[in-house]
């Protein structure tokens, strides 16, 4: 018997010794898997808001973590809103983004828009978020070829577009939404405000490990 087999054998014996009398472990495991992703703990009041109240809480939480936001009436108005945000920040009229269908279908004629992975010293990047939590103001960015992970970390200023209808109540709802979406991202990056650190002298520094600024476009329809 190999060392691996001996270790696994001891684990199995230990599990059998601690099992309650009469408990069918296989049935218990099957029941647990059947409810995977279901929130069974009480949901905090901050995660129960809906409609306009949910969006209001989400944007308030964004402001609380030094992020900014603006409302955009529809996806077609996003290029103009982004151009205005770049001018307001005295940034070049250029943006790096992935080939997300919602973004690729827009008219970016007024901007120097490029597509692909993030690059070092990128002034501005744009990501398409498919989910967020109003409870904490957290964006859930699903990785994939249309939304490269590097866009989230390598831009000096990170812009994110999300539809108001995609904002969930609590953080647990984010995972429920992901499972129901049919998407299977390799990674999910949870972003709450711009990058920050207080490791040195306990002095808060923005942009320590990523973007120095985060701006969210909330698409109303």
Protein backbone atom coordinates (compact mmCIF):
# COMPACT_ATOMS: atom_id res chain seq x y z
CA UNK A 1 0.00 0.00 0.00
CA UNK A 2 1.40 3.39 -1.00
CA UNK A 3 1.74 6.33 1.37
CA UNK A 4 -1.12 8.04 -0.46
CA UNK A 5 -3.41 5.04 0.01
CA UNK A 6 -2.55 4.84 3.71
CA UNK A 7 -3.38 8.52 4.22
CA UNK A 8 -6.70 8.25 2.39
CA UNK A 9 -7.55 5.10 4.32
CA UNK A 10 -7.02 6.87 7.65
CA UNK A 11 -9.18 9.80 6.47
CA UNK A 12 -12.01 7.40 5.52
CA UNK A 13 -11.80 5.61 8.86
CA UNK A 14 -11.84 8.90 10.72
CA UNK A 15 -14.90 10.06 8.82
CA UNK A 16 -16.71 6.82 9.57
CA UNK A 17 -15.83 7.04 13.28
CA UNK A 18 -17.23 10.57 13.64
CA UNK A 19 -20.45 9.95 11.69
CA UNK A 20 -23.61 10.05 13.81
CA UNK A 21 -25.34 6.66 14.22
CA UNK A 22 -27.90 5.99 11.52
CA UNK A 23 -26.72 8.82 9.26
CA UNK A 24 -26.63 7.95 5.58
CA UNK A 25 -23.59 9.94 4.46
CA UNK A 26 -24.26 9.42 0.74
CA UNK A 27 -27.83 10.71 1.08
CA UNK A 28 -26.67 13.64 3.15
CA UNK A 29 -24.07 14.59 0.56
CA UNK A 30 -26.61 14.33 -2.27
CA UNK A 31 -29.00 16.61 -0.37
CA UNK A 32 -26.25 19.14 0.25
CA UNK A 33 -25.26 19.21 -3.42
CA UNK A 34 -28.90 19.69 -4.43
CA UNK A 35 -29.04 22.92 -2.44
CA UNK A 36 -25.61 24.21 -3.51
CA UNK A 37 -25.73 27.92 -4.19
CA UNK A 38 -28.91 28.43 -2.18
CA UNK A 39 -28.68 31.08 0.51
CA UNK A 40 -29.84 29.46 3.74
CA UNK A 41 -28.53 31.99 6.28
CA UNK A 42 -30.64 35.08 7.07
CA UNK A 43 -30.08 37.84 4.51
CA UNK A 44 -29.06 41.19 6.04
CA UNK A 45 -31.49 44.06 5.49
CA UNK A 46 -28.86 45.79 3.37
CA UNK A 47 -29.05 42.90 0.92
CA UNK A 48 -32.84 42.85 0.59
CA UNK A 49 -33.42 46.13 -1.24
CA UNK A 50 -34.89 46.06 -4.74
CA UNK A 51 -35.47 48.36 -7.69
CA UNK A 52 -34.35 51.97 -7.39
CA UNK A 53 -33.49 51.54 -3.70
CA UNK A 54 -31.00 48.82 -4.61
CA UNK A 55 -29.28 51.03 -7.19
CA UNK A 56 -29.20 53.94 -4.74
CA UNK A 57 -27.50 51.81 -2.11
CA UNK A 58 -25.03 50.45 -4.66
CA UNK A 59 -23.94 53.92 -5.76
CA UNK A 60 -23.75 55.13 -2.15
CA UNK A 61 -21.46 52.21 -1.32
CA UNK A 62 -19.31 53.06 -4.35
CA UNK A 63 -18.84 56.58 -3.06
CA UNK A 64 -17.99 55.20 0.36
CA UNK A 65 -14.97 53.34 -1.05
CA UNK A 66 -13.62 56.28 -3.09
CA UNK A 67 -15.11 55.15 -6.40
CA UNK A 68 -17.16 57.44 -8.63
CA UNK A 69 -20.14 56.72 -10.85
CA UNK A 70 -22.50 58.22 -13.37
CA UNK A 71 -25.87 57.19 -14.78
CA UNK A 72 -26.11 56.48 -18.51
CA UNK A 73 -29.55 56.19 -20.13
CA UNK A 74 -28.67 53.26 -22.40
CA UNK A 75 -25.70 51.36 -23.76
CA UNK A 76 -25.61 53.46 -26.95
CA UNK A 77 -24.83 56.55 -24.85
CA UNK A 78 -21.79 54.92 -23.22
CA UNK A 79 -19.12 56.19 -25.69
CA UNK A 80 -20.17 59.82 -25.18
CA UNK A 81 -20.29 59.35 -21.41
CA UNK A 82 -16.83 57.80 -21.42
CA UNK A 83 -15.43 60.59 -23.61
CA UNK A 84 -16.79 63.16 -21.16
CA UNK A 85 -15.33 61.28 -18.18
CA UNK A 86 -11.91 61.17 -19.85
CA UNK A 87 -12.00 64.92 -20.52
CA UNK A 88 -13.05 65.64 -16.94
CA UNK A 89 -10.04 63.68 -15.68
CA UNK A 90 -7.67 65.30 -18.19
CA UNK A 91 -6.94 61.91 -19.73
CA UNK A 92 -6.23 61.18 -23.40
CA UNK A 93 -9.24 60.34 -25.56
CA UNK A 94 -8.19 56.69 -25.65
CA UNK A 95 -9.40 53.52 -23.97
CA UNK A 96 -8.44 49.85 -23.95
CA UNK A 97 -11.24 47.28 -23.72
CA UNK A 98 -12.17 43.70 -24.44
CA UNK A 99 -14.35 42.56 -27.32
CA UNK A 100 -17.46 42.14 -25.18
CA UNK A 101 -20.45 42.10 -27.58
CA UNK A 102 -22.15 44.99 -25.78
CA UNK A 103 -19.05 47.14 -26.16
CA UNK A 104 -17.96 46.00 -29.62
CA UNK A 105 -21.38 46.92 -31.03
CA UNK A 106 -21.04 50.59 -30.04
CA UNK A 107 -19.78 53.52 -32.11
CA UNK A 108 -16.42 54.55 -30.67
CA UNK A 109 -15.57 56.97 -33.49
CA UNK A 110 -14.84 59.82 -31.09
CA UNK A 111 -12.24 57.85 -29.16
CA UNK A 112 -9.05 55.96 -29.85
CA UNK A 113 -10.52 52.61 -28.82
CA UNK A 114 -8.33 49.52 -28.91
CA UNK A 115 -9.20 45.93 -28.07
CA UNK A 116 -7.23 43.25 -26.27
CA UNK A 117 -5.50 42.45 -23.02
CA UNK A 118 -4.41 45.18 -20.64
CA UNK A 119 -0.97 46.69 -21.11
CA UNK A 120 1.45 48.35 -18.69
CA UNK A 121 0.93 52.09 -18.22
CA UNK A 122 -2.51 52.02 -19.83
CA UNK A 123 -4.15 55.41 -19.05
CA UNK A 124 -7.71 54.04 -19.12
CA UNK A 125 -9.38 50.66 -19.46
CA UNK A 126 -13.03 49.66 -19.78
CA UNK A 127 -14.62 46.45 -18.53
CA UNK A 128 -18.15 45.09 -18.81
CA UNK A 129 -19.42 43.79 -15.46
CA UNK A 130 -22.31 41.33 -15.51
CA UNK A 131 -23.05 41.45 -11.81
CA UNK A 132 -22.57 43.52 -8.66
CA UNK A 133 -23.61 43.58 -5.01
CA UNK A 134 -25.55 46.56 -3.68
CA UNK A 135 -24.83 45.40 -0.14
CA UNK A 136 -21.14 46.29 -0.42
CA UNK A 137 -20.75 48.22 -3.68
CA UNK A 138 -18.75 45.31 -5.07
CA UNK A 139 -18.39 44.60 -8.79
CA UNK A 140 -18.08 41.00 -9.95
CA UNK A 141 -15.91 40.86 -13.06
CA UNK A 142 -16.06 37.52 -14.86
CA UNK A 143 -12.92 36.61 -16.77
CA UNK A 144 -12.93 35.52 -20.40
CA UNK A 145 -11.55 36.47 -23.81
CA UNK A 146 -14.13 39.26 -24.17
CA UNK A 147 -13.22 40.80 -20.79
CA UNK A 148 -9.53 40.14 -20.12
CA UNK A 149 -8.58 40.10 -16.44
CA UNK A 150 -5.58 42.35 -17.12
CA UNK A 151 -7.90 45.27 -17.93
CA UNK A 152 -8.99 45.20 -14.29
CA UNK A 153 -5.46 45.65 -12.92
CA UNK A 154 -3.23 47.41 -15.46
CA UNK A 155 -5.14 50.62 -16.22
CA UNK A 156 -4.42 53.78 -14.24
CA UNK A 157 -8.14 54.54 -14.36
CA UNK A 158 -10.58 51.65 -14.60
CA UNK A 159 -14.01 52.28 -16.08
CA UNK A 160 -16.72 49.65 -15.69
CA UNK A 161 -20.14 49.46 -17.35
CA UNK A 162 -22.99 47.57 -15.70
CA UNK A 163 -26.73 47.56 -16.28
CA UNK A 164 -28.85 48.63 -13.32
CA UNK A 165 -30.85 45.41 -13.70
CA UNK A 166 -27.68 43.36 -13.14
CA UNK A 167 -27.06 44.80 -9.68
CA UNK A 168 -27.93 42.15 -7.09
CA UNK A 169 -28.96 42.68 -3.47
CA UNK A 170 -26.40 40.80 -1.38
CA UNK A 171 -23.03 39.27 -2.09
CA UNK A 172 -24.53 35.78 -1.90
CA UNK A 173 -26.89 36.75 -4.72
CA UNK A 174 -23.88 37.38 -6.96
CA UNK A 175 -23.01 33.68 -6.90
CA UNK A 176 -26.62 32.65 -7.44
CA UNK A 177 -26.75 34.99 -10.45
CA UNK A 178 -23.51 33.54 -11.82
CA UNK A 179 -24.78 29.97 -11.58
CA UNK A 180 -28.07 30.89 -13.24
CA UNK A 181 -26.34 32.80 -16.05
CA UNK A 182 -24.76 29.70 -17.54
CA UNK A 183 -21.40 31.46 -17.62
CA UNK A 184 -18.35 29.50 -16.54
CA UNK A 185 -15.52 32.01 -15.99
CA UNK A 186 -12.12 30.78 -14.95
CA UNK A 187 -11.91 33.55 -12.36
CA UNK A 188 -14.27 36.02 -10.72
CA UNK A 189 -12.63 39.23 -9.53
CA UNK A 190 -14.53 41.05 -6.80
CA UNK A 191 -13.66 44.75 -6.99
CA UNK A 192 -14.71 47.18 -4.26
CA UNK A 193 -13.31 50.60 -5.09
CA UNK A 194 -9.87 51.45 -6.50
CA UNK A 195 -6.77 49.56 -5.44
CA UNK A 196 -5.52 50.56 -2.00
CA UNK A 197 -3.06 49.58 0.69
CA UNK A 198 -2.01 50.80 4.12
CA UNK A 199 0.85 48.35 4.55
CA UNK A 200 3.49 51.07 4.81
CA UNK A 201 3.17 53.19 7.92
CA UNK A 202 -0.58 52.48 8.04
CA UNK A 203 -1.08 55.35 5.59
CA UNK A 204 -3.76 54.65 3.00
CA UNK A 205 -2.45 54.81 -0.57
CA UNK A 206 -4.72 54.46 -3.60
CA UNK A 207 -3.44 52.65 -6.67
CA UNK A 208 -1.06 50.47 -4.68
CA UNK A 209 -1.63 47.26 -6.64
CA UNK A 210 -3.88 48.38 -9.49
CA UNK A 211 -5.96 51.31 -10.76
CA UNK A 212 -5.74 54.54 -8.82
CA UNK A 213 -9.33 55.38 -9.78
CA UNK A 214 -12.52 53.44 -10.45
CA UNK A 215 -15.55 54.91 -12.24
CA UNK A 216 -18.74 52.93 -12.80
CA UNK A 217 -21.25 53.67 -15.54
CA UNK A 218 -24.69 52.48 -14.41
CA UNK A 219 -26.67 51.75 -17.58
CA UNK A 220 -30.30 52.51 -16.78
CA UNK A 221 -31.83 50.45 -19.62
